[in-house]
Amino acid sequence: MKNTVLSIWRFYVDGFRGMTLGRTLWFIILLKLFIMFAILRVFFFPNFLNSAATDGDKEGYVSNELIERAIGDPPPSISD
């Protein structure tokens, strides 16, 4: 088992060592992931749970938000 895992590891290390264009593409992919999850998260995904609920009321806040979002606004009636 250990020998198999070691041979697979060596196979991938040797493959990545031989790449030239692939190394650049992997760097671009990792840079994009870092930008999406580390930088954009700060500006576009604020932490509503910490800002709207106290320490002991987080469960109630989450359940209330889920129920309100599931119900949403009722559709306008035809007679209006």
PDB file of N, CA and C in Angstrom:
ATOM      1  N   MET A   1       0.825  -1.187   0.000  1.00  0.00           N
ATOM      2  CA  MET A   1       0.000   0.000   0.000  1.00  0.00           C
ATOM      3  C   MET A   1       0.870   1.253   0.000  1.00  0.00           C
ATOM      4  N   LYS A   2       1.860   1.281   0.900  1.00  0.00           N
ATOM      5  CA  LYS A   2       2.731   2.441   0.989  1.00  0.00           C
ATOM      6  C   LYS A   2       3.553   2.600  -0.284  1.00  0.00           C
ATOM      7  N   ASN A   3       3.983   1.480  -0.856  1.00  0.00           N
ATOM      8  CA  ASN A   3       4.766   1.517  -2.082  1.00  0.00           C
ATOM      9  C   ASN A   3       3.922   2.047  -3.241  1.00  0.00           C
ATOM     10  N   THR A   4       2.656   1.678  -3.291  1.00  0.00           N
ATOM     11  CA  THR A   4       1.762   2.141  -4.355  1.00  0.00           C
ATOM     12  C   THR A   4       1.532   3.641  -4.242  1.00  0.00           C
ATOM     13  N   VAL A   5       1.280   4.121  -3.038  1.00  0.00           N
ATOM     14  CA  VAL A   5       1.060   5.555  -2.834  1.00  0.00           C
ATOM     15  C   VAL A   5       2.323   6.329  -3.188  1.00  0.00           C
ATOM     16  N   LEU A   6       3.468   5.810  -2.810  1.00  0.00           N
ATOM     17  CA  LEU A   6       4.735   6.472  -3.119  1.00  0.00           C
ATOM     18  C   LEU A   6       4.991   6.508  -4.618  1.00  0.00           C
ATOM     19  N   SER A   7       4.674   5.441  -5.322  1.00  0.00           N
ATOM     20  CA  SER A   7       4.884   5.435  -6.773  1.00  0.00           C
ATOM     21  C   SER A   7       3.916   6.389  -7.471  1.00  0.00           C
ATOM     22  N   ILE A   8       2.685   6.496  -6.982  1.00  0.00           N
ATOM     23  CA  ILE A   8       1.740   7.461  -7.556  1.00  0.00           C
ATOM     24  C   ILE A   8       2.226   8.880  -7.301  1.00  0.00           C
ATOM     25  N   TRP A   9       2.713   9.141  -6.090  1.00  0.00           N
ATOM     26  CA  TRP A   9       3.242  10.467  -5.762  1.00  0.00           C
ATOM     27  C   TRP A   9       4.413  10.818  -6.673  1.00  0.00           C
ATOM     28  N   ARG A  10       5.330   9.893  -6.875  1.00  0.00           N
ATOM     29  CA  ARG A  10       6.479  10.147  -7.752  1.00  0.00           C
ATOM     30  C   ARG A  10       6.047  10.384  -9.192  1.00  0.00           C
ATOM     31  N   PHE A  11       5.016   9.665  -9.638  1.00  0.00           N
ATOM     32  CA  PHE A  11       4.483   9.844 -10.990  1.00  0.00           C
ATOM     33  C   PHE A  11       3.986  11.279 -11.191  1.00  0.00           C
ATOM     34  N   TYR A  12       3.201  11.789 -10.241  1.00  0.00           N
ATOM     35  CA  TYR A  12       2.670  13.145 -10.361  1.00  0.00           C
ATOM     36  C   TYR A  12       3.759  14.197 -10.211  1.00  0.00           C
ATOM     37  N   VAL A  13       4.699  13.992  -9.301  1.00  0.00           N
ATOM     38  CA  VAL A  13       5.792  14.948  -9.129  1.00  0.00           C
ATOM     39  C   VAL A  13       6.625  15.021 -10.398  1.00  0.00           C
ATOM     40  N   ASP A  14       6.921  13.885 -10.990  1.00  0.00           N
ATOM     41  CA  ASP A  14       7.689  13.863 -12.232  1.00  0.00           C
ATOM     42  C   ASP A  14       6.915  14.535 -13.364  1.00  0.00           C
ATOM     43  N   GLY A  15       5.612  14.319 -13.408  1.00  0.00           N
ATOM     44  CA  GLY A  15       4.795  14.949 -14.441  1.00  0.00           C
ATOM     45  C   GLY A  15       4.745  16.457 -14.302  1.00  0.00           C
ATOM     46  N   PHE A  16       4.576  16.949 -13.087  1.00  0.00           N
ATOM     47  CA  PHE A  16       4.535  18.395 -12.882  1.00  0.00           C
ATOM     48  C   PHE A  16       5.905  19.033 -13.073  1.00  0.00           C
ATOM     49  N   ARG A  17       6.949  18.298 -12.798  1.00  0.00           N
ATOM     50  CA  ARG A  17       8.289  18.828 -12.983  1.00  0.00           C
ATOM     51  C   ARG A  17       8.595  19.017 -14.465  1.00  0.00           C
ATOM     52  N   GLY A  18       8.034  18.166 -15.307  1.00  0.00           N
ATOM     53  CA  GLY A  18       8.300  18.249 -16.733  1.00  0.00           C
ATOM     54  C   GLY A  18       7.444  19.257 -17.478  1.00  0.00           C
ATOM     55  N   MET A  19       6.430  19.808 -16.825  1.00  0.00           N
ATOM     56  CA  MET A  19       5.542  20.756 -17.497  1.00  0.00           C
ATOM     57  C   MET A  19       6.190  22.133 -17.598  1.00  0.00           C
ATOM     58  N   THR A  20       5.965  22.801 -18.707  1.00  0.00           N
ATOM     59  CA  THR A  20       6.377  24.197 -18.822  1.00  0.00           C
ATOM     60  C   THR A  20       5.141  25.085 -18.937  1.00  0.00           C
ATOM     61  N   LEU A  21       4.314  24.822 -19.920  1.00  0.00           N
ATOM     62  CA  LEU A  21       3.082  25.587 -20.081  1.00  0.00           C
ATOM     63  C   LEU A  21       2.092  25.245 -18.976  1.00  0.00           C
ATOM     64  N   GLY A  22       2.041  23.997 -18.596  1.00  0.00           N
ATOM     65  CA  GLY A  22       1.116  23.566 -17.554  1.00  0.00           C
ATOM     66  C   GLY A  22       1.379  24.242 -16.223  1.00  0.00           C
ATOM     67  N   ARG A  23       2.624  24.468 -15.903  1.00  0.00           N
ATOM     68  CA  ARG A  23       2.971  25.134 -14.647  1.00  0.00           C
ATOM     69  C   ARG A  23       2.435  26.564 -14.635  1.00  0.00           C
ATOM     70  N   THR A  24       2.554  27.240 -15.770  1.00  0.00           N
ATOM     71  CA  THR A  24       2.019  28.598 -15.877  1.00  0.00           C
ATOM     72  C   THR A  24       0.501  28.594 -15.764  1.00  0.00           C
ATOM     73  N   LEU A  25      -0.146  27.637 -16.409  1.00  0.00           N
ATOM     74  CA  LEU A  25      -1.600  27.561 -16.347  1.00  0.00           C
ATOM     75  C   LEU A  25      -2.084  27.239 -14.931  1.00  0.00           C
ATOM     76  N   TRP A  26      -1.391  26.349 -14.234  1.00  0.00           N
ATOM     77  CA  TRP A  26      -1.761  26.052 -12.854  1.00  0.00           C
ATOM     78  C   TRP A  26      -1.583  27.278 -11.966  1.00  0.00           C
ATOM     79  N   PHE A  27      -0.540  28.056 -12.215  1.00  0.00           N
ATOM     80  CA  PHE A  27      -0.337  29.287 -11.448  1.00  0.00           C
ATOM     81  C   PHE A  27      -1.490  30.261 -11.674  1.00  0.00           C
ATOM     82  N   ILE A  28      -1.938  30.391 -12.918  1.00  0.00           N
ATOM     83  CA  ILE A  28      -3.063  31.276 -13.227  1.00  0.00           C
ATOM     84  C   ILE A  28      -4.334  30.774 -12.552  1.00  0.00           C
ATOM     85  N   ILE A  29      -4.569  29.472 -12.585  1.00  0.00           N
ATOM     86  CA  ILE A  29      -5.758  28.901 -11.938  1.00  0.00           C
ATOM     87  C   ILE A  29      -5.730  29.157 -10.435  1.00  0.00           C
ATOM     88  N   LEU A  30      -4.602  28.915  -9.797  1.00  0.00           N
ATOM     89  CA  LEU A  30      -4.507  29.130  -8.353  1.00  0.00           C
ATOM     90  C   LEU A  30      -4.624  30.603  -7.989  1.00  0.00           C
ATOM     91  N   LEU A  31      -4.091  31.483  -8.826  1.00  0.00           N
ATOM     92  CA  LEU A  31      -4.218  32.917  -8.597  1.00  0.00           C
ATOM     93  C   LEU A  31      -5.677  33.357  -8.692  1.00  0.00           C
ATOM     94  N   LYS A  32      -6.401  32.841  -9.681  1.00  0.00           N
ATOM     95  CA  LYS A  32      -7.825  33.168  -9.814  1.00  0.00           C
ATOM     96  C   LYS A  32      -8.623  32.660  -8.615  1.00  0.00           C
ATOM     97  N   LEU A  33      -8.331  31.457  -8.160  1.00  0.00           N
ATOM     98  CA  LEU A  33      -9.027  30.927  -6.989  1.00  0.00           C
ATOM     99  C   LEU A  33      -8.752  31.770  -5.750  1.00  0.00           C
ATOM    100  N   PHE A  34      -7.516  32.202  -5.596  1.00  0.00           N
ATOM    101  CA  PHE A  34      -7.177  33.065  -4.465  1.00  0.00           C
ATOM    102  C   PHE A  34      -7.939  34.376  -4.539  1.00  0.00           C
ATOM    103  N   ILE A  35      -8.001  34.963  -5.720  1.00  0.00           N
ATOM    104  CA  ILE A  35      -8.729  36.221  -5.875  1.00  0.00           C
ATOM    105  C   ILE A  35     -10.208  36.022  -5.580  1.00  0.00           C
ATOM    106  N   MET A  36     -10.793  34.945  -6.083  1.00  0.00           N
ATOM    107  CA  MET A  36     -12.222  34.718  -5.874  1.00  0.00           C
ATOM    108  C   MET A  36     -12.558  34.474  -4.410  1.00  0.00           C
ATOM    109  N   PHE A  37     -11.791  33.647  -3.735  1.00  0.00           N
ATOM    110  CA  PHE A  37     -12.167  33.243  -2.388  1.00  0.00           C
ATOM    111  C   PHE A  37     -11.582  34.127  -1.295  1.00  0.00           C
ATOM    112  N   ALA A  38     -10.484  34.783  -1.522  1.00  0.00           N
ATOM    113  CA  ALA A  38      -9.879  35.585  -0.462  1.00  0.00           C
ATOM    114  C   ALA A  38     -10.212  37.063  -0.595  1.00  0.00           C
ATOM    115  N   ILE A  39     -10.149  37.589  -1.805  1.00  0.00           N
ATOM    116  CA  ILE A  39     -10.323  39.026  -1.976  1.00  0.00           C
ATOM    117  C   ILE A  39     -11.779  39.391  -2.222  1.00  0.00           C
ATOM    118  N   LEU A  40     -12.444  38.740  -3.171  1.00  0.00           N
ATOM    119  CA  LEU A  40     -13.822  39.085  -3.492  1.00  0.00           C
ATOM    120  C   LEU A  40     -14.780  38.747  -2.359  1.00  0.00           C
ATOM    121  N   ARG A  41     -14.438  37.761  -1.566  1.00  0.00           N
ATOM    122  CA  ARG A  41     -15.294  37.374  -0.443  1.00  0.00           C
ATOM    123  C   ARG A  41     -15.450  38.521   0.543  1.00  0.00           C
ATOM    124  N   VAL A  42     -14.402  39.287   0.741  1.00  0.00           N
ATOM    125  CA  VAL A  42     -14.438  40.394   1.691  1.00  0.00           C
ATOM    126  C   VAL A  42     -15.416  41.469   1.232  1.00  0.00           C
ATOM    127  N   PHE A  43     -15.452  41.742  -0.077  1.00  0.00           N
ATOM    128  CA  PHE A  43     -16.267  42.842  -0.577  1.00  0.00           C
ATOM    129  C   PHE A  43     -17.695  42.444  -0.932  1.00  0.00           C
ATOM    130  N   PHE A  44     -17.907  41.240  -1.449  1.00  0.00           N
ATOM    131  CA  PHE A  44     -19.216  40.868  -1.966  1.00  0.00           C
ATOM    132  C   PHE A  44     -19.997  39.903  -1.092  1.00  0.00           C
ATOM    133  N   PHE A  45     -19.362  39.282  -0.126  1.00  0.00           N
ATOM    134  CA  PHE A  45     -20.041  38.311   0.716  1.00  0.00           C
ATOM    135  C   PHE A  45     -19.848  38.660   2.186  1.00  0.00           C
ATOM    136  N   PRO A  46     -20.564  39.675   2.671  1.00  0.00           N
ATOM    137  CA  PRO A  46     -20.408  40.032   4.081  1.00  0.00           C
ATOM    138  C   PRO A  46     -20.984  38.949   4.986  1.00  0.00           C
ATOM    139  N   ASN A  47     -20.511  38.921   6.198  1.00  0.00           N
ATOM    140  CA  ASN A  47     -20.937  37.915   7.160  1.00  0.00           C
ATOM    141  C   ASN A  47     -22.182  38.425   7.885  1.00  0.00           C
ATOM    142  N   PHE A  48     -23.363  38.083   7.363  1.00  0.00           N
ATOM    143  CA  PHE A  48     -24.613  38.548   7.943  1.00  0.00           C
ATOM    144  C   PHE A  48     -24.866  37.943   9.315  1.00  0.00           C
ATOM    145  N   LEU A  49     -24.391  36.761   9.534  1.00  0.00           N
ATOM    146  CA  LEU A  49     -24.679  36.071  10.788  1.00  0.00           C
ATOM    147  C   LEU A  49     -24.057  36.802  11.973  1.00  0.00           C
ATOM    148  N   ASN A  50     -22.837  37.251  11.836  1.00  0.00           N
ATOM    149  CA  ASN A  50     -22.199  37.954  12.946  1.00  0.00           C
ATOM    150  C   ASN A  50     -22.731  39.367  13.115  1.00  0.00           C
ATOM    151  N   SER A  51     -23.229  39.973  12.048  1.00  0.00           N
ATOM    152  CA  SER A  51     -23.701  41.347  12.164  1.00  0.00           C
ATOM    153  C   SER A  51     -25.147  41.431  12.629  1.00  0.00           C
ATOM    154  N   ALA A  52     -25.971  40.417  12.367  1.00  0.00           N
ATOM    155  CA  ALA A  52     -27.393  40.514  12.661  1.00  0.00           C
ATOM    156  C   ALA A  52     -27.830  39.715  13.879  1.00  0.00           C
ATOM    157  N   ALA A  53     -27.030  38.800  14.337  1.00  0.00           N
ATOM    158  CA  ALA A  53     -27.453  37.947  15.450  1.00  0.00           C
ATOM    159  C   ALA A  53     -26.445  38.036  16.590  1.00  0.00           C
ATOM    160  N   THR A  54     -26.953  37.855  17.779  1.00  0.00           N
ATOM    161  CA  THR A  54     -26.067  37.812  18.934  1.00  0.00           C
ATOM    162  C   THR A  54     -25.518  36.398  19.087  1.00  0.00           C
ATOM    163  N   ASP A  55     -24.701  36.193  20.105  1.00  0.00           N
ATOM    164  CA  ASP A  55     -24.042  34.896  20.277  1.00  0.00           C
ATOM    165  C   ASP A  55     -25.026  33.751  20.455  1.00  0.00           C
ATOM    166  N   GLY A  56     -26.052  33.921  21.275  1.00  0.00           N
ATOM    167  CA  GLY A  56     -26.963  32.825  21.563  1.00  0.00           C
ATOM    168  C   GLY A  56     -28.126  32.724  20.606  1.00  0.00           C
ATOM    169  N   ASP A  57     -28.292  33.701  19.726  1.00  0.00           N
ATOM    170  CA  ASP A  57     -29.483  33.746  18.879  1.00  0.00           C
ATOM    171  C   ASP A  57     -29.193  33.395  17.422  1.00  0.00           C
ATOM    172  N   LYS A  58     -28.041  32.832  17.129  1.00  0.00           N
ATOM    173  CA  LYS A  58     -27.689  32.538  15.740  1.00  0.00           C
ATOM    174  C   LYS A  58     -28.591  31.472  15.133  1.00  0.00           C
ATOM    175  N   GLU A  59     -28.958  30.471  15.919  1.00  0.00           N
ATOM    176  CA  GLU A  59     -29.831  29.412  15.395  1.00  0.00           C
ATOM    177  C   GLU A  59     -31.191  29.973  15.016  1.00  0.00           C
ATOM    178  N   GLY A  60     -31.735  30.811  15.879  1.00  0.00           N
ATOM    179  CA  GLY A  60     -33.030  31.416  15.599  1.00  0.00           C
ATOM    180  C   GLY A  60     -32.986  32.339  14.399  1.00  0.00           C
ATOM    181  N   TYR A  61     -31.897  33.083  14.271  1.00  0.00           N
ATOM    182  CA  TYR A  61     -31.755  33.990  13.131  1.00  0.00           C
ATOM    183  C   TYR A  61     -31.715  33.211  11.820  1.00  0.00           C
ATOM    184  N   VAL A  62     -30.943  32.126  11.782  1.00  0.00           N
ATOM    185  CA  VAL A  62     -30.827  31.325  10.560  1.00  0.00           C
ATOM    186  C   VAL A  62     -32.163  30.695  10.204  1.00  0.00           C
ATOM    187  N   SER A  63     -32.851  30.118  11.175  1.00  0.00           N
ATOM    188  CA  SER A  63     -34.138  29.485  10.872  1.00  0.00           C
ATOM    189  C   SER A  63     -35.167  30.516  10.431  1.00  0.00           C
ATOM    190  N   ASN A  64     -35.173  31.677  11.054  1.00  0.00           N
ATOM    191  CA  ASN A  64     -36.106  32.729  10.660  1.00  0.00           C
ATOM    192  C   ASN A  64     -35.824  33.208   9.236  1.00  0.00           C
ATOM    193  N   GLU A  65     -34.561  33.390   8.893  1.00  0.00           N
ATOM    194  CA  GLU A  65     -34.208  33.825   7.539  1.00  0.00           C
ATOM    195  C   GLU A  65     -34.595  32.776   6.501  1.00  0.00           C
ATOM    196  N   LEU A  66     -34.373  31.505   6.803  1.00  0.00           N
ATOM    197  CA  LEU A  66     -34.741  30.449   5.859  1.00  0.00           C
ATOM    198  C   LEU A  66     -36.243  30.408   5.629  1.00  0.00           C
ATOM    199  N   ILE A  67     -37.006  30.563   6.694  1.00  0.00           N
ATOM    200  CA  ILE A  67     -38.465  30.538   6.561  1.00  0.00           C
ATOM    201  C   ILE A  67     -38.947  31.749   5.778  1.00  0.00           C
ATOM    202  N   GLU A  68     -38.420  32.930   6.093  1.00  0.00           N
ATOM    203  CA  GLU A  68     -38.849  34.139   5.388  1.00  0.00           C
ATOM    204  C   GLU A  68     -38.477  34.088   3.910  1.00  0.00           C
ATOM    205  N   ARG A  69     -37.314  33.577   3.595  1.00  0.00           N
ATOM    206  CA  ARG A  69     -36.910  33.496   2.188  1.00  0.00           C
ATOM    207  C   ARG A  69     -37.703  32.440   1.437  1.00  0.00           C
ATOM    208  N   ALA A  70     -38.112  31.383   2.126  1.00  0.00           N
ATOM    209  CA  ALA A  70     -38.913  30.351   1.472  1.00  0.00           C
ATOM    210  C   ALA A  70     -40.316  30.862   1.179  1.00  0.00           C
ATOM    211  N   ILE A  71     -40.867  31.639   2.097  1.00  0.00           N
ATOM    212  CA  ILE A  71     -42.211  32.179   1.898  1.00  0.00           C
ATOM    213  C   ILE A  71     -42.171  33.299   0.873  1.00  0.00           C
ATOM    214  N   GLY A  72     -41.258  34.221   1.028  1.00  0.00           N
ATOM    215  CA  GLY A  72     -41.124  35.330   0.095  1.00  0.00           C
ATOM    216  C   GLY A  72     -42.343  36.228   0.110  1.00  0.00           C
ATOM    217  N   ASP A  73     -42.442  37.087  -0.888  1.00  0.00           N
ATOM    218  CA  ASP A  73     -43.611  37.942  -1.035  1.00  0.00           C
ATOM    219  C   ASP A  73     -44.707  37.155  -1.714  1.00  0.00           C
ATOM    220  N   PRO A  74     -45.932  37.252  -1.220  1.00  0.00           N
ATOM    221  CA  PRO A  74     -47.023  36.530  -1.885  1.00  0.00           C
ATOM    222  C   PRO A  74     -47.305  37.148  -3.249  1.00  0.00           C
ATOM    223  N   PRO A  75     -47.688  36.340  -4.218  1.00  0.00           N
ATOM    224  CA  PRO A  75     -47.970  36.888  -5.544  1.00  0.00           C
ATOM    225  C   PRO A  75     -49.202  37.782  -5.490  1.00  0.00           C
ATOM    226  N   PRO A  76     -49.253  38.810  -6.330  1.00  0.00           N
ATOM    227  CA  PRO A  76     -50.425  39.695  -6.317  1.00  0.00           C
ATOM    228  C   PRO A  76     -51.661  38.938  -6.776  1.00  0.00           C
ATOM    229  N   SER A  77     -52.775  39.257  -6.146  1.00  0.00           N
ATOM    230  CA  SER A  77     -54.014  38.573  -6.519  1.00  0.00           C
ATOM    231  C   SER A  77     -54.563  39.162  -7.811  1.00  0.00           C
ATOM    232  N   ILE A  78     -55.391  38.413  -8.497  1.00  0.00           N
ATOM    233  CA  ILE A  78     -55.937  38.834  -9.787  1.00  0.00           C
ATOM    234  C   ILE A  78     -56.933  39.975  -9.608  1.00  0.00           C
ATOM    235  N   SER A  79     -57.636  40.015  -8.486  1.00  0.00           N
ATOM    236  CA  SER A  79     -58.661  41.033  -8.277  1.00  0.00           C
ATOM    237  C   SER A  79     -58.072  42.409  -7.997  1.00  0.00           C
ATOM    238  N   ASP A  80     -56.788  42.503  -7.665  1.00  0.00           N
ATOM    239  CA  ASP A  80     -56.192  43.810  -7.365  1.00  0.00           C
ATOM    240  C   ASP A  80     -56.036  44.609  -8.578  1.00  0.00           C
TER     241      ASP A  80
END
